[in-house]
Amino acid sequence: MGAHTSRVVVCGFEGYENLEESQNPSRLVATRLADEGIDVSGADTSADTRVDTSTRELLSDTRIEVTSVLLPLSFAHAWPTLEATLRETRPQMVLATGLKTRARTIALERCARNIIDAPRPDADDVQPQNTSIIEGGPAAYWTRIPLRAVSRQFARQDIPATLSSDVGTFVCNALFYEMLHWASGEQDAYAGFLSVPPIERPLGYTKGMELQTMVDAARSVVTTTLAYRKALT
């Protein structure tokens, strides 16, 4: 039997105000993961030897195809940009990342709420407040990503992380809500969101996390979720 292909879309925000492109983890995690690829077979150096044995076995015949897409930090344009990629690729999973400036660990987001209450203008200089993302939609959507299993895998890899039930009320939350709404209408699709800290810089200039650690975290979310999905079939 030939290898099965699982398609994954990983997205990040292309820019944040007053942040250099080289210091934007949301952008770099998405692009680097797509460049490095995901292989749990151990056949090449991109495979992490600390991957759970059951995950490796479940995905032994799976080729993971990663597409990255960069999104504007815009209420009006972030989701349409991502949605176009989802329509084109028809993935089994989509994972987004967003910068949480004051964080020091990765936050595994559980849910998104049906509210926009922007604390500042977005990239289009728009600042909507106290309004719904989808009129008449559920108050919240919850991810089907197996976050407890992901947390255990993070512990194996010494990746510091927490579970979070508050992704805010800015563009990150609006995007995640739309992603979960999309996933709810698909037969077998998963959507997740990682809030990531700043990229750590030398001499304590910026406290945060090494970029490669964040890339490894995103990779583990993907492999753990795809293994979970396959175990259910």
C-alpha atoms as a PDB file:
ATOM      1  CA  MET A   1       0.000   0.000   0.000  1.00  0.00           C
ATOM      2  CA  GLY A   2       1.367   3.408  -0.944  1.00  0.00           C
ATOM      3  CA  ALA A   3       1.877   6.356   1.336  1.00  0.00           C
ATOM      4  CA  HIS A   4      -1.153   8.361   2.369  1.00  0.00           C
ATOM      5  CA  THR A   5      -0.913  12.151   2.028  1.00  0.00           C
ATOM      6  CA  SER A   6      -2.195  14.479   4.728  1.00  0.00           C
ATOM      7  CA  ARG A   7      -2.398  18.129   3.754  1.00  0.00           C
ATOM      8  CA  VAL A   8      -1.721  20.801   6.368  1.00  0.00           C
ATOM      9  CA  VAL A   9      -1.921  24.583   6.116  1.00  0.00           C
ATOM     10  CA  VAL A  10       0.178  26.610   8.547  1.00  0.00           C
ATOM     11  CA  CYS A  11      -0.382  30.351   8.651  1.00  0.00           C
ATOM     12  CA  GLY A  12       1.082  33.364  10.382  1.00  0.00           C
ATOM     13  CA  PHE A  13       0.685  37.108  10.320  1.00  0.00           C
ATOM     14  CA  GLU A  14       2.983  38.801   7.849  1.00  0.00           C
ATOM     15  CA  GLY A  15       3.718  41.834   9.995  1.00  0.00           C
ATOM     16  CA  TYR A  16       3.204  43.586  13.289  1.00  0.00           C
ATOM     17  CA  GLU A  17       3.599  47.294  13.893  1.00  0.00           C
ATOM     18  CA  ASN A  18       7.138  48.261  14.945  1.00  0.00           C
ATOM     19  CA  LEU A  19       8.424  44.680  14.631  1.00  0.00           C
ATOM     20  CA  GLU A  20      11.144  43.762  12.156  1.00  0.00           C
ATOM     21  CA  GLU A  21      10.353  40.872   9.823  1.00  0.00           C
ATOM     22  CA  SER A  22      13.330  38.944  11.216  1.00  0.00           C
ATOM     23  CA  GLN A  23      11.813  39.170  14.712  1.00  0.00           C
ATOM     24  CA  ASN A  24       8.260  38.135  13.811  1.00  0.00           C
ATOM     25  CA  PRO A  25       7.772  34.576  15.115  1.00  0.00           C
ATOM     26  CA  SER A  26       4.266  34.247  13.687  1.00  0.00           C
ATOM     27  CA  ARG A  27       5.593  34.759  10.184  1.00  0.00           C
ATOM     28  CA  LEU A  28       8.784  32.755  10.611  1.00  0.00           C
ATOM     29  CA  VAL A  29       7.256  29.686  12.265  1.00  0.00           C
ATOM     30  CA  ALA A  30       4.872  29.241   9.332  1.00  0.00           C
ATOM     31  CA  THR A  31       7.462  29.724   6.606  1.00  0.00           C
ATOM     32  CA  ARG A  32      10.209  27.727   8.297  1.00  0.00           C
ATOM     33  CA  LEU A  33       7.946  24.760   9.048  1.00  0.00           C
ATOM     34  CA  ALA A  34       6.923  24.620   5.400  1.00  0.00           C
ATOM     35  CA  ASP A  35      10.585  24.868   4.344  1.00  0.00           C
ATOM     36  CA  GLU A  36      11.788  22.184   6.782  1.00  0.00           C
ATOM     37  CA  GLY A  37       8.841  19.882   6.220  1.00  0.00           C
ATOM     38  CA  ILE A  38       7.511  17.230   8.571  1.00  0.00           C
ATOM     39  CA  ASP A  39       8.771  13.647   8.602  1.00  0.00           C
ATOM     40  CA  VAL A  40       8.187  11.369  11.607  1.00  0.00           C
ATOM     41  CA  SER A  41       9.638   8.279   9.939  1.00  0.00           C
ATOM     42  CA  GLY A  42      13.206   8.969  11.027  1.00  0.00           C
ATOM     43  CA  ALA A  43      14.280   8.842   7.392  1.00  0.00           C
ATOM     44  CA  ASP A  44      15.848  12.293   7.470  1.00  0.00           C
ATOM     45  CA  THR A  45      17.211  14.860   9.907  1.00  0.00           C
ATOM     46  CA  SER A  46      13.931  16.766  10.167  1.00  0.00           C
ATOM     47  CA  ALA A  47      12.415  13.879  12.155  1.00  0.00           C
ATOM     48  CA  ASP A  48      12.439  14.470  15.907  1.00  0.00           C
ATOM     49  CA  THR A  49      13.628  11.337  17.723  1.00  0.00           C
ATOM     50  CA  ARG A  50      11.516  12.318  20.742  1.00  0.00           C
ATOM     51  CA  VAL A  51       8.257  11.836  18.849  1.00  0.00           C
ATOM     52  CA  ASP A  52       5.952   9.465  20.713  1.00  0.00           C
ATOM     53  CA  THR A  53       6.277   5.885  19.446  1.00  0.00           C
ATOM     54  CA  SER A  54       2.541   5.502  18.841  1.00  0.00           C
ATOM     55  CA  THR A  55       2.517   8.715  16.804  1.00  0.00           C
ATOM     56  CA  ARG A  56       5.422   7.487  14.715  1.00  0.00           C
ATOM     57  CA  GLU A  57       3.702   4.139  14.103  1.00  0.00           C
ATOM     58  CA  LEU A  58       0.346   5.691  13.221  1.00  0.00           C
ATOM     59  CA  LEU A  59       1.970   8.038  10.710  1.00  0.00           C
ATOM     60  CA  SER A  60       4.515   5.578   9.319  1.00  0.00           C
ATOM     61  CA  ASP A  61       2.702   5.417   5.977  1.00  0.00           C
ATOM     62  CA  THR A  62       1.741   9.107   5.900  1.00  0.00           C
ATOM     63  CA  ARG A  63       3.377  11.830   3.856  1.00  0.00           C
ATOM     64  CA  ILE A  64       2.649  15.244   5.361  1.00  0.00           C
ATOM     65  CA  GLU A  65       2.343  18.051   2.835  1.00  0.00           C
ATOM     66  CA  VAL A  66       2.720  21.512   4.410  1.00  0.00           C
ATOM     67  CA  THR A  67       1.554  24.748   2.805  1.00  0.00           C
ATOM     68  CA  SER A  68       2.318  28.065   4.467  1.00  0.00           C
ATOM     69  CA  VAL A  69       0.373  31.273   3.983  1.00  0.00           C
ATOM     70  CA  LEU A  70       1.002  34.739   5.403  1.00  0.00           C
ATOM     71  CA  LEU A  71      -1.931  36.883   6.446  1.00  0.00           C
ATOM     72  CA  PRO A  72      -2.408  40.616   6.952  1.00  0.00           C
ATOM     73  CA  LEU A  73      -3.203  41.689  10.507  1.00  0.00           C
ATOM     74  CA  SER A  74      -6.603  42.773   9.262  1.00  0.00           C
ATOM     75  CA  PHE A  75     -10.155  41.952  10.312  1.00  0.00           C
ATOM     76  CA  ALA A  76     -11.343  42.340   6.724  1.00  0.00           C
ATOM     77  CA  HIS A  77      -8.597  40.413   4.946  1.00  0.00           C
ATOM     78  CA  ALA A  78      -6.974  37.821   7.232  1.00  0.00           C
ATOM     79  CA  TRP A  79      -9.694  35.180   6.976  1.00  0.00           C
ATOM     80  CA  PRO A  80     -10.462  35.646   3.254  1.00  0.00           C
ATOM     81  CA  THR A  81      -6.746  35.208   2.520  1.00  0.00           C
ATOM     82  CA  LEU A  82      -6.595  31.988   4.515  1.00  0.00           C
ATOM     83  CA  GLU A  83      -9.939  30.738   3.223  1.00  0.00           C
ATOM     84  CA  ALA A  84      -8.699  30.992  -0.365  1.00  0.00           C
ATOM     85  CA  THR A  85      -5.795  28.700   0.511  1.00  0.00           C
ATOM     86  CA  LEU A  86      -8.100  26.255   2.305  1.00  0.00           C
ATOM     87  CA  ARG A  87     -10.349  26.051  -0.741  1.00  0.00           C
ATOM     88  CA  GLU A  88      -7.358  25.414  -2.977  1.00  0.00           C
ATOM     89  CA  THR A  89      -5.603  22.807  -0.826  1.00  0.00           C
ATOM     90  CA  ARG A  90      -8.536  21.175   1.028  1.00  0.00           C
ATOM     91  CA  PRO A  91      -6.367  20.305   4.046  1.00  0.00           C
ATOM     92  CA  GLN A  92      -7.048  17.897   6.869  1.00  0.00           C
ATOM     93  CA  MET A  93      -5.647  20.445   9.318  1.00  0.00           C
ATOM     94  CA  VAL A  94      -4.945  24.156   9.608  1.00  0.00           C
ATOM     95  CA  LEU A  95      -2.723  25.683  12.288  1.00  0.00           C
ATOM     96  CA  ALA A  96      -2.305  29.407  12.916  1.00  0.00           C
ATOM     97  CA  THR A  97       0.218  31.276  15.030  1.00  0.00           C
ATOM     98  CA  GLY A  98      -0.010  34.724  16.543  1.00  0.00           C
ATOM     99  CA  LEU A  99       2.379  36.808  18.624  1.00  0.00           C
ATOM    100  CA  LYS A 100       1.610  37.330  22.304  1.00  0.00           C
ATOM    101  CA  THR A 101       4.125  40.015  23.214  1.00  0.00           C
ATOM    102  CA  ARG A 102       4.251  39.481  26.967  1.00  0.00           C
ATOM    103  CA  ALA A 103       4.263  35.685  26.839  1.00  0.00           C
ATOM    104  CA  ARG A 104       7.303  33.612  27.762  1.00  0.00           C
ATOM    105  CA  THR A 105       5.802  30.242  26.844  1.00  0.00           C
ATOM    106  CA  ILE A 106       3.624  28.924  24.035  1.00  0.00           C
ATOM    107  CA  ALA A 107      -0.122  29.084  24.684  1.00  0.00           C
ATOM    108  CA  LEU A 108      -2.212  26.237  23.279  1.00  0.00           C
ATOM    109  CA  GLU A 109      -5.503  27.973  22.586  1.00  0.00           C
ATOM    110  CA  ARG A 110      -8.637  26.013  23.447  1.00  0.00           C
ATOM    111  CA  CYS A 111     -11.317  28.259  21.984  1.00  0.00           C
ATOM    112  CA  ALA A 112     -12.306  31.427  20.159  1.00  0.00           C
ATOM    113  CA  ARG A 113     -15.195  33.727  21.063  1.00  0.00           C
ATOM    114  CA  ASN A 114     -17.702  35.360  18.739  1.00  0.00           C
ATOM    115  CA  ILE A 115     -16.685  38.902  19.567  1.00  0.00           C
ATOM    116  CA  ILE A 116     -14.484  41.654  18.198  1.00  0.00           C
ATOM    117  CA  ASP A 117     -13.443  44.322  20.658  1.00  0.00           C
ATOM    118  CA  ALA A 118     -10.251  45.723  19.205  1.00  0.00           C
ATOM    119  CA  PRO A 119      -7.936  47.430  21.712  1.00  0.00           C
ATOM    120  CA  ARG A 120      -6.115  49.148  18.838  1.00  0.00           C
ATOM    121  CA  PRO A 121      -6.498  49.620  15.069  1.00  0.00           C
ATOM    122  CA  ASP A 122      -5.612  46.768  12.731  1.00  0.00           C
ATOM    123  CA  ALA A 123      -3.404  47.020   9.642  1.00  0.00           C
ATOM    124  CA  ASP A 124      -6.225  48.801   7.804  1.00  0.00           C
ATOM    125  CA  ASP A 125      -6.488  51.373  10.613  1.00  0.00           C
ATOM    126  CA  VAL A 126      -9.879  49.918  11.554  1.00  0.00           C
ATOM    127  CA  GLN A 127     -10.862  49.437  15.197  1.00  0.00           C
ATOM    128  CA  PRO A 128     -14.225  47.634  15.494  1.00  0.00           C
ATOM    129  CA  GLN A 129     -15.573  47.234  19.000  1.00  0.00           C
ATOM    130  CA  ASN A 130     -18.244  45.151  20.710  1.00  0.00           C
ATOM    131  CA  THR A 131     -19.399  43.418  17.546  1.00  0.00           C
ATOM    132  CA  SER A 132     -19.857  39.807  16.455  1.00  0.00           C
ATOM    133  CA  ILE A 133     -17.539  37.982  14.109  1.00  0.00           C
ATOM    134  CA  ILE A 134     -20.408  35.969  12.622  1.00  0.00           C
ATOM    135  CA  GLU A 135     -23.855  37.379  13.325  1.00  0.00           C
ATOM    136  CA  GLY A 136     -25.959  34.696  14.985  1.00  0.00           C
ATOM    137  CA  GLY A 137     -23.006  32.334  15.322  1.00  0.00           C
ATOM    138  CA  PRO A 138     -22.215  30.329  18.465  1.00  0.00           C
ATOM    139  CA  ALA A 139     -20.834  32.303  21.411  1.00  0.00           C
ATOM    140  CA  ALA A 140     -17.654  30.253  21.148  1.00  0.00           C
ATOM    141  CA  TYR A 141     -16.067  27.413  19.218  1.00  0.00           C
ATOM    142  CA  TRP A 142     -13.732  24.891  20.835  1.00  0.00           C
ATOM    143  CA  THR A 143     -10.846  23.236  19.036  1.00  0.00           C
ATOM    144  CA  ARG A 144     -10.797  19.482  18.447  1.00  0.00           C
ATOM    145  CA  ILE A 145      -7.000  19.453  18.565  1.00  0.00           C
ATOM    146  CA  PRO A 146      -5.982  16.937  21.306  1.00  0.00           C
ATOM    147  CA  LEU A 147      -4.342  19.556  23.495  1.00  0.00           C
ATOM    148  CA  ARG A 148      -3.592  17.241  26.422  1.00  0.00           C
ATOM    149  CA  ALA A 149      -1.738  14.863  24.120  1.00  0.00           C
ATOM    150  CA  VAL A 150       0.085  17.822  22.587  1.00  0.00           C
ATOM    151  CA  SER A 151       1.058  19.011  26.068  1.00  0.00           C
ATOM    152  CA  ARG A 152       2.523  15.595  26.872  1.00  0.00           C
ATOM    153  CA  GLN A 153       4.534  15.648  23.656  1.00  0.00           C
ATOM    154  CA  PHE A 154       5.779  19.152  24.475  1.00  0.00           C
ATOM    155  CA  ALA A 155       6.958  17.849  27.858  1.00  0.00           C
ATOM    156  CA  ARG A 156       8.988  15.129  26.097  1.00  0.00           C
ATOM    157  CA  GLN A 157      10.640  17.834  24.013  1.00  0.00           C
ATOM    158  CA  ASP A 158      11.123  20.274  26.911  1.00  0.00           C
ATOM    159  CA  ILE A 159       8.930  22.869  25.197  1.00  0.00           C
ATOM    160  CA  PRO A 160       7.362  25.201  27.793  1.00  0.00           C
ATOM    161  CA  ALA A 161       3.649  25.686  27.171  1.00  0.00           C
ATOM    162  CA  THR A 162       0.328  26.385  28.847  1.00  0.00           C
ATOM    163  CA  LEU A 163      -3.309  25.793  27.981  1.00  0.00           C
ATOM    164  CA  SER A 164      -5.238  28.995  27.312  1.00  0.00           C
ATOM    165  CA  SER A 165      -8.925  29.819  26.984  1.00  0.00           C
ATOM    166  CA  ASP A 166      -8.420  33.443  25.992  1.00  0.00           C
ATOM    167  CA  VAL A 167      -6.870  34.382  22.671  1.00  0.00           C
ATOM    168  CA  GLY A 168      -8.059  37.973  23.123  1.00  0.00           C
ATOM    169  CA  THR A 169     -10.543  40.029  21.129  1.00  0.00           C
ATOM    170  CA  PHE A 170      -8.293  41.244  18.304  1.00  0.00           C
ATOM    171  CA  VAL A 171      -7.506  39.736  14.889  1.00  0.00           C
ATOM    172  CA  CYS A 172      -6.091  36.486  16.341  1.00  0.00           C
ATOM    173  CA  ASN A 173      -9.410  35.631  17.962  1.00  0.00           C
ATOM    174  CA  ALA A 174     -11.414  36.630  14.884  1.00  0.00           C
ATOM    175  CA  LEU A 175      -9.230  34.467  12.657  1.00  0.00           C
ATOM    176  CA  PHE A 176      -9.364  31.489  15.017  1.00  0.00           C
ATOM    177  CA  TYR A 177     -13.153  31.741  15.275  1.00  0.00           C
ATOM    178  CA  GLU A 178     -13.470  31.694  11.478  1.00  0.00           C
ATOM    179  CA  MET A 179     -11.088  28.729  11.304  1.00  0.00           C
ATOM    180  CA  LEU A 180     -13.126  26.770  13.833  1.00  0.00           C
ATOM    181  CA  HIS A 181     -16.348  27.712  12.051  1.00  0.00           C
ATOM    182  CA  TRP A 182     -14.836  26.357   8.832  1.00  0.00           C
ATOM    183  CA  ALA A 183     -13.686  23.154  10.563  1.00  0.00           C
ATOM    184  CA  SER A 184     -17.157  22.630  12.038  1.00  0.00           C
ATOM    185  CA  GLY A 185     -18.538  22.390   8.526  1.00  0.00           C
ATOM    186  CA  GLU A 186     -15.938  19.909   7.321  1.00  0.00           C
ATOM    187  CA  GLN A 187     -16.322  16.176   7.837  1.00  0.00           C
ATOM    188  CA  ASP A 188     -12.876  15.561   9.293  1.00  0.00           C
ATOM    189  CA  ALA A 189     -10.818  18.750   9.574  1.00  0.00           C
ATOM    190  CA  TYR A 190      -8.967  20.162  12.554  1.00  0.00           C
ATOM    191  CA  ALA A 191      -8.099  23.774  13.339  1.00  0.00           C
ATOM    192  CA  GLY A 192      -5.715  25.029  16.004  1.00  0.00           C
ATOM    193  CA  PHE A 193      -4.030  28.193  17.194  1.00  0.00           C
ATOM    194  CA  LEU A 194      -0.710  28.774  18.950  1.00  0.00           C
ATOM    195  CA  SER A 195      -0.010  32.063  20.690  1.00  0.00           C
ATOM    196  CA  VAL A 196       3.765  32.375  20.639  1.00  0.00           C
ATOM    197  CA  PRO A 197       6.178  34.579  22.619  1.00  0.00           C
ATOM    198  CA  PRO A 198       8.732  36.956  21.104  1.00  0.00           C
ATOM    199  CA  ILE A 199      11.913  35.498  19.644  1.00  0.00           C
ATOM    200  CA  GLU A 200      14.627  35.418  22.270  1.00  0.00           C
ATOM    201  CA  ARG A 201      17.536  37.714  21.466  1.00  0.00           C
ATOM    202  CA  PRO A 202      21.118  37.613  22.797  1.00  0.00           C
ATOM    203  CA  LEU A 203      22.245  39.298  26.018  1.00  0.00           C
ATOM    204  CA  GLY A 204      18.719  39.417  27.388  1.00  0.00           C
ATOM    205  CA  TYR A 205      17.706  42.191  24.991  1.00  0.00           C
ATOM    206  CA  THR A 206      14.426  40.386  24.380  1.00  0.00           C
ATOM    207  CA  LYS A 207      13.181  37.596  26.619  1.00  0.00           C
ATOM    208  CA  GLY A 208      11.133  34.934  24.920  1.00  0.00           C
ATOM    209  CA  MET A 209      11.843  31.652  23.150  1.00  0.00           C
ATOM    210  CA  GLU A 210      14.209  30.409  20.475  1.00  0.00           C
ATOM    211  CA  LEU A 211      12.596  30.361  17.045  1.00  0.00           C
ATOM    212  CA  GLN A 212      13.506  26.720  16.399  1.00  0.00           C
ATOM    213  CA  THR A 213      11.734  25.690  19.600  1.00  0.00           C
ATOM    214  CA  MET A 214       8.554  27.329  18.310  1.00  0.00           C
ATOM    215  CA  VAL A 215       8.933  25.603  14.935  1.00  0.00           C
ATOM    216  CA  ASP A 216       9.391  22.261  16.689  1.00  0.00           C
ATOM    217  CA  ALA A 217       6.275  22.993  18.750  1.00  0.00           C
ATOM    218  CA  ALA A 218       4.185  23.652  15.654  1.00  0.00           C
ATOM    219  CA  ARG A 219       5.509  20.455  14.087  1.00  0.00           C
ATOM    220  CA  SER A 220       4.509  18.474  17.175  1.00  0.00           C
ATOM    221  CA  VAL A 221       0.996  19.925  17.147  1.00  0.00           C
ATOM    222  CA  VAL A 222       0.629  18.748  13.562  1.00  0.00           C
ATOM    223  CA  THR A 223       1.994  15.231  14.056  1.00  0.00           C
ATOM    224  CA  THR A 224       0.118  14.632  17.309  1.00  0.00           C
ATOM    225  CA  THR A 225      -3.150  15.820  15.782  1.00  0.00           C
ATOM    226  CA  LEU A 226      -2.778  13.799  12.598  1.00  0.00           C
ATOM    227  CA  ALA A 227      -1.971  10.683  14.631  1.00  0.00           C
ATOM    228  CA  TYR A 228      -5.039  11.311  16.800  1.00  0.00           C
ATOM    229  CA  ARG A 229      -7.157  11.785  13.689  1.00  0.00           C
ATOM    230  CA  LYS A 230      -5.870   8.567  12.151  1.00  0.00           C
ATOM    231  CA  ALA A 231      -6.457   6.604  15.359  1.00  0.00           C
ATOM    232  CA  LEU A 232     -10.128   7.575  15.194  1.00  0.00           C
ATOM    233  CA  THR A 233     -10.592   6.227  11.675  1.00  0.00           C
END
